[in-house]
Amino acid sequence: MEEKKDREYFKTLAHHLMFDLSDEEADSIVHEFGTLESQMALLDAVNTEGVEEMIYPFEAATTFLREDVVSNVITQDEAMSNVKKKLEGHFVLPKVVK
């Protein structure tokens, strides 16, 4: 038997994930989940008998990728020429996380 996805189900699930949901938020999730379930039911109802599975969504082969060719190589000194602060060949940036 499938478990009913009601307000309390989602509030309990949120609690297990260590956050709280208001009643309004839980009701909104219940509504959105119901919509998702009905859309999945529509997809399940589509007859796919005899339809060949696809690996890619396009019939044409994906041969449009180019070969990786090295070009316009610059030296480390050229790459670091505009750096205001460097240390042992690396960029030094201000700390952004406390």
PDB file of N, CA and C in Angstrom:
ATOM      1  N   MET A   1       0.836  -1.193   0.000  1.00  0.00           N
ATOM      2  CA  MET A   1       0.000   0.000   0.000  1.00  0.00           C
ATOM      3  C   MET A   1       0.879   1.253   0.000  1.00  0.00           C
ATOM      4  N   GLU A   2       0.541   2.178  -0.868  1.00  0.00           N
ATOM      5  CA  GLU A   2       1.322   3.400  -0.989  1.00  0.00           C
ATOM      6  C   GLU A   2       0.985   4.371   0.134  1.00  0.00           C
ATOM      7  N   GLU A   3       2.037   5.003   0.680  1.00  0.00           N
ATOM      8  CA  GLU A   3       1.851   5.957   1.769  1.00  0.00           C
ATOM      9  C   GLU A   3       1.248   7.244   1.226  1.00  0.00           C
ATOM     10  N   LYS A   4       0.298   7.814   1.977  1.00  0.00           N
ATOM     11  CA  LYS A   4      -0.353   9.046   1.556  1.00  0.00           C
ATOM     12  C   LYS A   4       0.607  10.214   1.772  1.00  0.00           C
ATOM     13  N   LYS A   5       0.731  11.048   0.759  1.00  0.00           N
ATOM     14  CA  LYS A   5       1.630  12.198   0.826  1.00  0.00           C
ATOM     15  C   LYS A   5       0.825  13.429   1.242  1.00  0.00           C
ATOM     16  N   ASP A   6       0.620  13.579   2.547  1.00  0.00           N
ATOM     17  CA  ASP A   6      -0.134  14.716   3.064  1.00  0.00           C
ATOM     18  C   ASP A   6       0.807  15.711   3.743  1.00  0.00           C
ATOM     19  N   ARG A   7       0.229  16.732   4.348  1.00  0.00           N
ATOM     20  CA  ARG A   7       0.992  17.783   5.010  1.00  0.00           C
ATOM     21  C   ARG A   7       1.953  17.200   6.041  1.00  0.00           C
ATOM     22  N   GLU A   8       1.472  16.290   6.857  1.00  0.00           N
ATOM     23  CA  GLU A   8       2.304  15.718   7.920  1.00  0.00           C
ATOM     24  C   GLU A   8       3.457  14.894   7.352  1.00  0.00           C
ATOM     25  N   TYR A   9       3.229  14.217   6.238  1.00  0.00           N
ATOM     26  CA  TYR A   9       4.289  13.440   5.601  1.00  0.00           C
ATOM     27  C   TYR A   9       5.457  14.360   5.240  1.00  0.00           C
ATOM     28  N   PHE A  10       5.164  15.480   4.589  1.00  0.00           N
ATOM     29  CA  PHE A  10       6.221  16.384   4.161  1.00  0.00           C
ATOM     30  C   PHE A  10       6.846  17.123   5.332  1.00  0.00           C
ATOM     31  N   LYS A  11       6.070  17.434   6.359  1.00  0.00           N
ATOM     32  CA  LYS A  11       6.642  18.081   7.546  1.00  0.00           C
ATOM     33  C   LYS A  11       7.584  17.118   8.272  1.00  0.00           C
ATOM     34  N   THR A  12       7.211  15.846   8.334  1.00  0.00           N
ATOM     35  CA  THR A  12       8.079  14.838   8.955  1.00  0.00           C
ATOM     36  C   THR A  12       9.346  14.654   8.131  1.00  0.00           C
ATOM     37  N   LEU A  13       9.189  14.587   6.819  1.00  0.00           N
ATOM     38  CA  LEU A  13      10.337  14.446   5.940  1.00  0.00           C
ATOM     39  C   LEU A  13      11.288  15.635   6.106  1.00  0.00           C
ATOM     40  N   ALA A  14      10.748  16.829   6.149  1.00  0.00           N
ATOM     41  CA  ALA A  14      11.567  18.031   6.345  1.00  0.00           C
ATOM     42  C   ALA A  14      12.283  17.975   7.689  1.00  0.00           C
ATOM     43  N   HIS A  15      11.591  17.523   8.712  1.00  0.00           N
ATOM     44  CA  HIS A  15      12.205  17.418  10.041  1.00  0.00           C
ATOM     45  C   HIS A  15      13.389  16.450  10.009  1.00  0.00           C
ATOM     46  N   HIS A  16      13.243  15.333   9.314  1.00  0.00           N
ATOM     47  CA  HIS A  16      14.343  14.380   9.194  1.00  0.00           C
ATOM     48  C   HIS A  16      15.534  14.996   8.456  1.00  0.00           C
ATOM     49  N   LEU A  17      15.256  15.937   7.563  1.00  0.00           N
ATOM     50  CA  LEU A  17      16.306  16.618   6.819  1.00  0.00           C
ATOM     51  C   LEU A  17      16.811  17.865   7.552  1.00  0.00           C
ATOM     52  N   MET A  18      16.339  18.027   8.787  1.00  0.00           N
ATOM     53  CA  MET A  18      16.769  19.088   9.707  1.00  0.00           C
ATOM     54  C   MET A  18      16.364  20.495   9.264  1.00  0.00           C
ATOM     55  N   PHE A  19      15.152  20.630   8.760  1.00  0.00           N
ATOM     56  CA  PHE A  19      14.572  21.954   8.577  1.00  0.00           C
ATOM     57  C   PHE A  19      13.076  21.856   8.803  1.00  0.00           C
ATOM     58  N   ASP A  20      12.462  22.975   9.055  1.00  0.00           N
ATOM     59  CA  ASP A  20      11.039  23.002   9.369  1.00  0.00           C
ATOM     60  C   ASP A  20      10.262  23.637   8.225  1.00  0.00           C
ATOM     61  N   LEU A  21       9.037  23.165   8.066  1.00  0.00           N
ATOM     62  CA  LEU A  21       8.117  23.724   7.078  1.00  0.00           C
ATOM     63  C   LEU A  21       6.919  24.295   7.804  1.00  0.00           C
ATOM     64  N   SER A  22       6.450  25.442   7.336  1.00  0.00           N
ATOM     65  CA  SER A  22       5.194  25.968   7.865  1.00  0.00           C
ATOM     66  C   SER A  22       4.051  25.166   7.248  1.00  0.00           C
ATOM     67  N   ASP A  23       2.864  25.303   7.799  1.00  0.00           N
ATOM     68  CA  ASP A  23       1.700  24.610   7.242  1.00  0.00           C
ATOM     69  C   ASP A  23       1.452  25.039   5.795  1.00  0.00           C
ATOM     70  N   GLU A  24       1.639  26.341   5.515  1.00  0.00           N
ATOM     71  CA  GLU A  24       1.417  26.841   4.159  1.00  0.00           C
ATOM     72  C   GLU A  24       2.426  26.244   3.177  1.00  0.00           C
ATOM     73  N   GLU A  25       3.698  26.159   3.611  1.00  0.00           N
ATOM     74  CA  GLU A  25       4.722  25.579   2.743  1.00  0.00           C
ATOM     75  C   GLU A  25       4.436  24.098   2.486  1.00  0.00           C
ATOM     76  N   ALA A  26       4.054  23.377   3.531  1.00  0.00           N
ATOM     77  CA  ALA A  26       3.747  21.956   3.389  1.00  0.00           C
ATOM     78  C   ALA A  26       2.548  21.755   2.469  1.00  0.00           C
ATOM     79  N   ASP A  27       1.520  22.596   2.617  1.00  0.00           N
ATOM     80  CA  ASP A  27       0.346  22.495   1.741  1.00  0.00           C
ATOM     81  C   ASP A  27       0.718  22.763   0.286  1.00  0.00           C
ATOM     82  N   SER A  28       1.612  23.712   0.066  1.00  0.00           N
ATOM     83  CA  SER A  28       2.067  24.018  -1.283  1.00  0.00           C
ATOM     84  C   SER A  28       2.809  22.819  -1.882  1.00  0.00           C
ATOM     85  N   ILE A  29       3.643  22.167  -1.086  1.00  0.00           N
ATOM     86  CA  ILE A  29       4.370  20.991  -1.559  1.00  0.00           C
ATOM     87  C   ILE A  29       3.404  19.844  -1.861  1.00  0.00           C
ATOM     88  N   VAL A  30       2.389  19.673  -1.009  1.00  0.00           N
ATOM     89  CA  VAL A  30       1.383  18.628  -1.251  1.00  0.00           C
ATOM     90  C   VAL A  30       0.714  18.867  -2.604  1.00  0.00           C
ATOM     91  N   HIS A  31       0.354  20.129  -2.874  1.00  0.00           N
ATOM     92  CA  HIS A  31      -0.299  20.469  -4.145  1.00  0.00           C
ATOM     93  C   HIS A  31       0.643  20.201  -5.321  1.00  0.00           C
ATOM     94  N   GLU A  32       1.906  20.677  -5.223  1.00  0.00           N
ATOM     95  CA  GLU A  32       2.870  20.479  -6.306  1.00  0.00           C
ATOM     96  C   GLU A  32       3.155  18.991  -6.524  1.00  0.00           C
ATOM     97  N   PHE A  33       3.239  18.230  -5.441  1.00  0.00           N
ATOM     98  CA  PHE A  33       3.502  16.803  -5.561  1.00  0.00           C
ATOM     99  C   PHE A  33       2.334  16.098  -6.250  1.00  0.00           C
ATOM    100  N   GLY A  34       1.116  16.520  -5.920  1.00  0.00           N
ATOM    101  CA  GLY A  34      -0.072  15.956  -6.575  1.00  0.00           C
ATOM    102  C   GLY A  34      -0.050  16.224  -8.072  1.00  0.00           C
ATOM    103  N   THR A  35       0.350  17.440  -8.455  1.00  0.00           N
ATOM    104  CA  THR A  35       0.470  17.787  -9.868  1.00  0.00           C
ATOM    105  C   THR A  35       1.512  16.907 -10.541  1.00  0.00           C
ATOM    106  N   LEU A  36       2.652  16.723  -9.889  1.00  0.00           N
ATOM    107  CA  LEU A  36       3.715  15.881 -10.432  1.00  0.00           C
ATOM    108  C   LEU A  36       3.241  14.438 -10.601  1.00  0.00           C
ATOM    109  N   GLU A  37       2.537  13.914  -9.602  1.00  0.00           N
ATOM    110  CA  GLU A  37       2.019  12.545  -9.694  1.00  0.00           C
ATOM    111  C   GLU A  37       1.047  12.382 -10.859  1.00  0.00           C
ATOM    112  N   SER A  38       0.186  13.383 -11.073  1.00  0.00           N
ATOM    113  CA  SER A  38      -0.774  13.280 -12.180  1.00  0.00           C
ATOM    114  C   SER A  38      -0.057  13.359 -13.527  1.00  0.00           C
ATOM    115  N   GLN A  39       1.005  14.155 -13.622  1.00  0.00           N
ATOM    116  CA  GLN A  39       1.778  14.222 -14.859  1.00  0.00           C
ATOM    117  C   GLN A  39       2.500  12.900 -15.117  1.00  0.00           C
ATOM    118  N   MET A  40       3.022  12.279 -14.073  1.00  0.00           N
ATOM    119  CA  MET A  40       3.682  10.984 -14.224  1.00  0.00           C
ATOM    120  C   MET A  40       2.680   9.915 -14.648  1.00  0.00           C
ATOM    121  N   ALA A  41       1.456   9.991 -14.135  1.00  0.00           N
ATOM    122  CA  ALA A  41       0.413   9.044 -14.528  1.00  0.00           C
ATOM    123  C   ALA A  41       0.092   9.191 -16.014  1.00  0.00           C
ATOM    124  N   LEU A  42       0.092  10.431 -16.514  1.00  0.00           N
ATOM    125  CA  LEU A  42      -0.144  10.656 -17.944  1.00  0.00           C
ATOM    126  C   LEU A  42       0.963  10.020 -18.782  1.00  0.00           C
ATOM    127  N   LEU A  43       2.206  10.154 -18.334  1.00  0.00           N
ATOM    128  CA  LEU A  43       3.317   9.544 -19.061  1.00  0.00           C
ATOM    129  C   LEU A  43       3.225   8.025 -19.023  1.00  0.00           C
ATOM    130  N   ASP A  44       2.823   7.470 -17.880  1.00  0.00           N
ATOM    131  CA  ASP A  44       2.671   6.021 -17.763  1.00  0.00           C
ATOM    132  C   ASP A  44       1.583   5.497 -18.700  1.00  0.00           C
ATOM    133  N   ALA A  45       0.604   6.331 -19.011  1.00  0.00           N
ATOM    134  CA  ALA A  45      -0.517   5.905 -19.858  1.00  0.00           C
ATOM    135  C   ALA A  45      -0.157   5.874 -21.338  1.00  0.00           C
ATOM    136  N   VAL A  46       0.971   6.471 -21.716  1.00  0.00           N
ATOM    137  CA  VAL A  46       1.368   6.500 -23.125  1.00  0.00           C
ATOM    138  C   VAL A  46       1.796   5.104 -23.562  1.00  0.00           C
ATOM    139  N   ASN A  47       1.246   4.648 -24.675  1.00  0.00           N
ATOM    140  CA  ASN A  47       1.578   3.330 -25.209  1.00  0.00           C
ATOM    141  C   ASN A  47       2.920   3.418 -25.939  1.00  0.00           C
ATOM    142  N   THR A  48       3.928   2.745 -25.401  1.00  0.00           N
ATOM    143  CA  THR A  48       5.254   2.746 -26.018  1.00  0.00           C
ATOM    144  C   THR A  48       5.602   1.384 -26.604  1.00  0.00           C
ATOM    145  N   GLU A  49       4.604   0.560 -26.802  1.00  0.00           N
ATOM    146  CA  GLU A  49       4.813  -0.769 -27.381  1.00  0.00           C
ATOM    147  C   GLU A  49       5.407  -0.632 -28.779  1.00  0.00           C
ATOM    148  N   GLY A  50       6.531  -1.293 -29.021  1.00  0.00           N
ATOM    149  CA  GLY A  50       7.159  -1.274 -30.330  1.00  0.00           C
ATOM    150  C   GLY A  50       8.009  -0.048 -30.604  1.00  0.00           C
ATOM    151  N   VAL A  51       8.147   0.833 -29.643  1.00  0.00           N
ATOM    152  CA  VAL A  51       8.971   2.031 -29.831  1.00  0.00           C
ATOM    153  C   VAL A  51      10.393   1.708 -29.410  1.00  0.00           C
ATOM    154  N   GLU A  52      11.336   1.958 -30.302  1.00  0.00           N
ATOM    155  CA  GLU A  52      12.730   1.657 -30.019  1.00  0.00           C
ATOM    156  C   GLU A  52      13.312   2.690 -29.057  1.00  0.00           C
ATOM    157  N   GLU A  53      14.062   2.210 -28.085  1.00  0.00           N
ATOM    158  CA  GLU A  53      14.694   3.115 -27.122  1.00  0.00           C
ATOM    159  C   GLU A  53      15.767   3.941 -27.820  1.00  0.00           C
ATOM    160  N   MET A  54      15.961   5.162 -27.324  1.00  0.00           N
ATOM    161  CA  MET A  54      16.969   6.052 -27.904  1.00  0.00           C
ATOM    162  C   MET A  54      18.049   6.342 -26.870  1.00  0.00           C
ATOM    163  N   ILE A  55      19.277   6.372 -27.328  1.00  0.00           N
ATOM    164  CA  ILE A  55      20.371   6.771 -26.451  1.00  0.00           C
ATOM    165  C   ILE A  55      20.494   8.283 -26.465  1.00  0.00           C
ATOM    166  N   TYR A  56      20.344   8.884 -27.649  1.00  0.00           N
ATOM    167  CA  TYR A  56      20.414  10.331 -27.818  1.00  0.00           C
ATOM    168  C   TYR A  56      19.084  10.821 -28.373  1.00  0.00           C
ATOM    169  N   PRO A  57      18.715  12.055 -28.094  1.00  0.00           N
ATOM    170  CA  PRO A  57      17.442  12.561 -28.608  1.00  0.00           C
ATOM    171  C   PRO A  57      17.485  12.920 -30.085  1.00  0.00           C
ATOM    172  N   PHE A  58      18.644  12.776 -30.718  1.00  0.00           N
ATOM    173  CA  PHE A  58      18.773  13.114 -32.129  1.00  0.00           C
ATOM    174  C   PHE A  58      19.127  11.866 -32.918  1.00  0.00           C
ATOM    175  N   GLU A  59      18.595  11.756 -34.107  1.00  0.00           N
ATOM    176  CA  GLU A  59      18.906  10.600 -34.947  1.00  0.00           C
ATOM    177  C   GLU A  59      20.291  10.721 -35.569  1.00  0.00           C
ATOM    178  N   ALA A  60      20.726  11.952 -35.861  1.00  0.00           N
ATOM    179  CA  ALA A  60      22.036  12.150 -36.468  1.00  0.00           C
ATOM    180  C   ALA A  60      23.121  11.898 -35.426  1.00  0.00           C
ATOM    181  N   ALA A  61      24.206  11.329 -35.878  1.00  0.00           N
ATOM    182  CA  ALA A  61      25.332  11.072 -34.972  1.00  0.00           C
ATOM    183  C   ALA A  61      25.916  12.395 -34.483  1.00  0.00           C
ATOM    184  N   THR A  62      26.405  12.383 -33.282  1.00  0.00           N
ATOM    185  CA  THR A  62      26.975  13.607 -32.708  1.00  0.00           C
ATOM    186  C   THR A  62      28.459  13.677 -33.047  1.00  0.00           C
ATOM    187  N   THR A  63      28.743  13.967 -34.307  1.00  0.00           N
ATOM    188  CA  THR A  63      30.123  14.054 -34.766  1.00  0.00           C
ATOM    189  C   THR A  63      30.553  15.503 -34.955  1.00  0.00           C
ATOM    190  N   PHE A  64      29.835  16.421 -34.356  1.00  0.00           N
ATOM    191  CA  PHE A  64      30.141  17.829 -34.546  1.00  0.00           C
ATOM    192  C   PHE A  64      31.227  18.324 -33.597  1.00  0.00           C
ATOM    193  N   LEU A  65      31.676  17.477 -32.673  1.00  0.00           N
ATOM    194  CA  LEU A  65      32.717  17.903 -31.750  1.00  0.00           C
ATOM    195  C   LEU A  65      34.054  17.931 -32.473  1.00  0.00           C
ATOM    196  N   ARG A  66      34.810  18.971 -32.241  1.00  0.00           N
ATOM    197  CA  ARG A  66      36.103  19.121 -32.914  1.00  0.00           C
ATOM    198  C   ARG A  66      37.195  18.398 -32.128  1.00  0.00           C
ATOM    199  N   GLU A  67      38.283  18.137 -32.784  1.00  0.00           N
ATOM    200  CA  GLU A  67      39.448  17.578 -32.117  1.00  0.00           C
ATOM    201  C   GLU A  67      40.049  18.652 -31.226  1.00  0.00           C
ATOM    202  N   ASP A  68      40.592  18.259 -30.107  1.00  0.00           N
ATOM    203  CA  ASP A  68      41.211  19.192 -29.183  1.00  0.00           C
ATOM    204  C   ASP A  68      42.627  19.472 -29.654  1.00  0.00           C
ATOM    205  N   VAL A  69      42.854  20.682 -30.159  1.00  0.00           N
ATOM    206  CA  VAL A  69      44.156  21.058 -30.698  1.00  0.00           C
ATOM    207  C   VAL A  69      44.698  22.217 -29.873  1.00  0.00           C
ATOM    208  N   VAL A  70      45.922  22.071 -29.406  1.00  0.00           N
ATOM    209  CA  VAL A  70      46.560  23.109 -28.603  1.00  0.00           C
ATOM    210  C   VAL A  70      46.994  24.241 -29.514  1.00  0.00           C
ATOM    211  N   SER A  71      46.612  25.485 -29.143  1.00  0.00           N
ATOM    212  CA  SER A  71      47.034  26.658 -29.911  1.00  0.00           C
ATOM    213  C   SER A  71      47.087  27.858 -28.982  1.00  0.00           C
ATOM    214  N   ASN A  72      47.781  28.887 -29.393  1.00  0.00           N
ATOM    215  CA  ASN A  72      47.896  30.132 -28.629  1.00  0.00           C
ATOM    216  C   ASN A  72      48.338  29.879 -27.180  1.00  0.00           C
ATOM    217  N   VAL A  73      49.371  29.116 -27.017  1.00  0.00           N
ATOM    218  CA  VAL A  73      49.893  28.814 -25.689  1.00  0.00           C
ATOM    219  C   VAL A  73      50.726  29.993 -25.215  1.00  0.00           C
ATOM    220  N   ILE A  74      50.471  30.442 -23.981  1.00  0.00           N
ATOM    221  CA  ILE A  74      51.275  31.525 -23.405  1.00  0.00           C
ATOM    222  C   ILE A  74      52.061  30.965 -22.229  1.00  0.00           C
ATOM    223  N   THR A  75      53.109  31.646 -21.872  1.00  0.00           N
ATOM    224  CA  THR A  75      53.941  31.198 -20.759  1.00  0.00           C
ATOM    225  C   THR A  75      53.280  31.585 -19.437  1.00  0.00           C
ATOM    226  N   GLN A  76      53.775  31.000 -18.366  1.00  0.00           N
ATOM    227  CA  GLN A  76      53.246  31.336 -17.047  1.00  0.00           C
ATOM    228  C   GLN A  76      53.520  32.805 -16.729  1.00  0.00           C
ATOM    229  N   ASP A  77      54.672  33.297 -17.105  1.00  0.00           N
ATOM    230  CA  ASP A  77      54.995  34.707 -16.860  1.00  0.00           C
ATOM    231  C   ASP A  77      54.025  35.626 -17.599  1.00  0.00           C
ATOM    232  N   GLU A  78      53.668  35.267 -18.840  1.00  0.00           N
ATOM    233  CA  GLU A  78      52.702  36.069 -19.590  1.00  0.00           C
ATOM    234  C   GLU A  78      51.321  36.016 -18.926  1.00  0.00           C
ATOM    235  N   ALA A  79      50.939  34.833 -18.447  1.00  0.00           N
ATOM    236  CA  ALA A  79      49.640  34.684 -17.794  1.00  0.00           C
ATOM    237  C   ALA A  79      49.581  35.475 -16.496  1.00  0.00           C
ATOM    238  N   MET A  80      50.704  35.595 -15.821  1.00  0.00           N
ATOM    239  CA  MET A  80      50.737  36.274 -14.519  1.00  0.00           C
ATOM    240  C   MET A  80      51.114  37.749 -14.639  1.00  0.00           C
ATOM    241  N   SER A  81      51.273  38.262 -15.856  1.00  0.00           N
ATOM    242  CA  SER A  81      51.773  39.622 -16.053  1.00  0.00           C
ATOM    243  C   SER A  81      50.861  40.703 -15.468  1.00  0.00           C
ATOM    244  N   ASN A  82      49.567  40.496 -15.405  1.00  0.00           N
ATOM    245  CA  ASN A  82      48.642  41.507 -14.876  1.00  0.00           C
ATOM    246  C   ASN A  82      48.183  41.219 -13.452  1.00  0.00           C
ATOM    247  N   VAL A  83      48.769  40.220 -12.821  1.00  0.00           N
ATOM    248  CA  VAL A  83      48.348  39.844 -11.478  1.00  0.00           C
ATOM    249  C   VAL A  83      48.947  40.823 -10.478  1.00  0.00           C
ATOM    250  N   LYS A  84      48.096  41.376  -9.589  1.00  0.00           N
ATOM    251  CA  LYS A  84      48.578  42.341  -8.598  1.00  0.00           C
ATOM    252  C   LYS A  84      49.386  41.666  -7.497  1.00  0.00           C
ATOM    253  N   LYS A  85      48.911  40.490  -7.055  1.00  0.00           N
ATOM    254  CA  LYS A  85      49.585  39.814  -5.956  1.00  0.00           C
ATOM    255  C   LYS A  85      49.753  38.339  -6.314  1.00  0.00           C
ATOM    256  N   LYS A  86      50.997  37.859  -6.262  1.00  0.00           N
ATOM    257  CA  LYS A  86      51.258  36.461  -6.583  1.00  0.00           C
ATOM    258  C   LYS A  86      52.282  35.904  -5.605  1.00  0.00           C
ATOM    259  N   LEU A  87      52.252  34.590  -5.477  1.00  0.00           N
ATOM    260  CA  LEU A  87      53.167  33.907  -4.567  1.00  0.00           C
ATOM    261  C   LEU A  87      53.534  32.569  -5.181  1.00  0.00           C
ATOM    262  N   GLU A  88      54.798  32.367  -5.440  1.00  0.00           N
ATOM    263  CA  GLU A  88      55.319  31.120  -5.984  1.00  0.00           C
ATOM    264  C   GLU A  88      54.561  30.674  -7.252  1.00  0.00           C
ATOM    265  N   GLY A  89      54.279  31.618  -8.125  1.00  0.00           N
ATOM    266  CA  GLY A  89      53.646  31.285  -9.391  1.00  0.00           C
ATOM    267  C   GLY A  89      52.136  31.115  -9.335  1.00  0.00           C
ATOM    268  N   HIS A  90      51.501  31.517  -8.214  1.00  0.00           N
ATOM    269  CA  HIS A  90      50.051  31.376  -8.059  1.00  0.00           C
ATOM    270  C   HIS A  90      49.415  32.737  -7.797  1.00  0.00           C
ATOM    271  N   PHE A  91      48.152  32.888  -8.193  1.00  0.00           N
ATOM    272  CA  PHE A  91      47.369  34.071  -7.856  1.00  0.00           C
ATOM    273  C   PHE A  91      47.114  34.078  -6.361  1.00  0.00           C
ATOM    274  N   VAL A  92      47.181  35.231  -5.726  1.00  0.00           N
ATOM    275  CA  VAL A  92      46.812  35.362  -4.319  1.00  0.00           C
ATOM    276  C   VAL A  92      45.556  36.223  -4.278  1.00  0.00           C
ATOM    277  N   LEU A  93      44.482  35.656  -3.759  1.00  0.00           N
ATOM    278  CA  LEU A  93      43.201  36.357  -3.700  1.00  0.00           C
ATOM    279  C   LEU A  93      42.807  36.565  -2.250  1.00  0.00           C
ATOM    280  N   PRO A  94      41.977  37.582  -1.980  1.00  0.00           N
ATOM    281  CA  PRO A  94      41.520  37.771  -0.595  1.00  0.00           C
ATOM    282  C   PRO A  94      40.610  36.636  -0.157  1.00  0.00           C
ATOM    283  N   LYS A  95      40.683  36.306   1.114  1.00  0.00           N
ATOM    284  CA  LYS A  95      39.837  35.244   1.673  1.00  0.00           C
ATOM    285  C   LYS A  95      38.381  35.723   1.650  1.00  0.00           C
ATOM    286  N   VAL A  96      37.479  34.882   1.157  1.00  0.00           N
ATOM    287  CA  VAL A  96      36.079  35.264   1.057  1.00  0.00           C
ATOM    288  C   VAL A  96      35.175  34.436   1.974  1.00  0.00           C
ATOM    289  N   VAL A  97      35.710  33.412   2.599  1.00  0.00           N
ATOM    290  CA  VAL A  97      34.928  32.556   3.505  1.00  0.00           C
ATOM    291  C   VAL A  97      35.526  32.682   4.898  1.00  0.00           C
ATOM    292  N   LYS A  98      34.659  32.923   5.864  1.00  0.00           N
ATOM    293  CA  LYS A  98      35.158  33.063   7.243  1.00  0.00           C
ATOM    294  C   LYS A  98      35.201  31.723   7.927  1.00  0.00           C
TER     295      LYS A  98
END
